[in-house]
Amino acid sequence: MSSPPKAKGRSWRSVARAIYTASKPNAIMNIIRSWREIKIMLKWKFSTLNDADFEYEEGYKDNMLDRLAQKLNTSRTELEGMITELQNH
């Protein structure tokens, strides 16, 4: 299997770290797996997602999550549940 594509700009680890740091202790974003792995799993599960859907600016994680939920035609809570499920998979 080929290695995943490299992120433009910030590394996915730094994004995951920023999301983890900014989140509540029991919130969805207690990221166990790296953000890169979660992104890849979501893209495999939902072929309509692309790299642009995962663009993240520091301090704006909510915007990214809202965009993803909207594109998947689901609620933010359901999206967070999917991410949690992928983390524990």
Protein backbone atom coordinates (compact mmCIF):
# COMPACT_ATOMS: atom_id res chain seq x y z
CA MET A 1 0.00 0.00 0.00
CA SER A 2 1.37 3.41 -0.87
CA SER A 3 1.94 6.02 1.78
CA PRO A 4 -0.78 8.64 2.32
CA PRO A 5 -0.47 12.03 0.63
CA LYS A 6 1.42 14.71 2.51
CA ALA A 7 -0.58 17.59 3.98
CA LYS A 8 0.01 21.04 2.56
CA GLY A 9 1.26 23.48 5.14
CA ARG A 10 0.86 22.10 8.65
CA SER A 11 1.38 18.45 9.42
CA TRP A 12 -1.66 16.42 10.38
CA ARG A 13 0.00 15.61 13.69
CA SER A 14 0.21 19.30 14.55
CA VAL A 15 -3.45 19.71 13.54
CA ALA A 16 -4.43 16.76 15.72
CA ARG A 17 -2.41 18.17 18.60
CA ALA A 18 -4.08 21.59 18.22
CA ILE A 19 -7.54 20.03 18.12
CA TYR A 20 -6.77 17.86 21.14
CA THR A 21 -5.36 20.78 23.11
CA ALA A 22 -8.34 23.02 22.34
CA SER A 23 -10.98 20.41 23.18
CA LYS A 24 -12.65 19.46 26.45
CA PRO A 25 -11.27 16.37 28.24
CA ASN A 26 -14.28 14.17 27.46
CA ALA A 27 -15.04 15.70 24.07
CA ILE A 28 -14.90 13.93 20.72
CA MET A 29 -11.48 15.22 19.80
CA ASN A 30 -9.50 13.27 22.40
CA ILE A 31 -7.56 11.99 19.45
CA ILE A 32 -5.92 8.64 20.00
CA ARG A 33 -5.10 7.94 16.38
CA SER A 34 -3.38 10.63 14.41
CA TRP A 35 -5.61 13.00 12.48
CA ARG A 36 -4.06 11.69 9.27
CA GLU A 37 -5.37 8.18 9.96
CA ILE A 38 -8.85 9.44 10.81
CA LYS A 39 -8.91 11.57 7.66
CA ILE A 40 -7.93 8.59 5.50
CA MET A 41 -10.55 6.36 7.11
CA LEU A 42 -13.27 8.99 6.59
CA LYS A 43 -12.24 9.38 2.94
CA TRP A 44 -12.43 5.60 2.46
CA LYS A 45 -15.85 5.47 4.11
CA PHE A 46 -17.23 8.52 2.24
CA SER A 47 -15.93 8.80 -1.31
CA THR A 48 -17.42 12.30 -1.67
CA LEU A 49 -14.84 13.72 0.74
CA ASN A 50 -11.61 15.22 -0.56
CA ASP A 51 -8.54 16.93 0.90
CA ALA A 52 -10.17 20.37 0.69
CA ASP A 53 -12.90 19.24 3.09
CA PHE A 54 -10.24 18.65 5.74
CA GLU A 55 -8.51 22.03 5.44
CA TYR A 56 -7.93 23.38 8.91
CA GLU A 57 -6.87 26.76 10.20
CA GLU A 58 -5.61 27.00 13.75
CA GLY A 59 -8.43 28.10 16.03
CA TYR A 60 -11.15 27.12 13.54
CA LYS A 61 -11.65 23.38 14.12
CA ASP A 62 -15.39 23.95 14.49
CA ASN A 63 -15.57 25.33 10.95
CA MET A 64 -13.91 22.21 9.55
CA LEU A 65 -16.17 19.87 11.51
CA ASP A 66 -19.28 21.83 10.48
CA ARG A 67 -18.18 21.68 6.81
CA LEU A 68 -17.67 17.92 7.04
CA ALA A 69 -21.06 17.39 8.70
CA GLN A 70 -22.77 19.52 6.07
CA LYS A 71 -21.09 17.71 3.19
CA LEU A 72 -22.06 14.33 4.67
CA ASN A 73 -25.61 15.60 5.28
CA THR A 74 -25.42 14.65 8.95
CA SER A 75 -25.43 16.42 12.29
CA ARG A 76 -22.28 17.53 14.04
CA THR A 77 -23.10 15.08 16.86
CA GLU A 78 -23.36 12.18 14.41
CA LEU A 79 -20.06 13.20 12.78
CA GLU A 80 -18.38 13.29 16.18
CA GLY A 81 -19.76 9.81 16.86
CA MET A 82 -18.30 8.55 13.56
CA ILE A 83 -14.91 10.00 14.45
CA THR A 84 -15.04 8.40 17.90
CA GLU A 85 -15.94 5.06 16.32
CA LEU A 86 -12.99 5.34 13.93
CA GLN A 87 -10.66 6.22 16.80
CA ASN A 88 -11.61 3.05 18.63
CA HIS A 89 -11.57 0.82 15.56
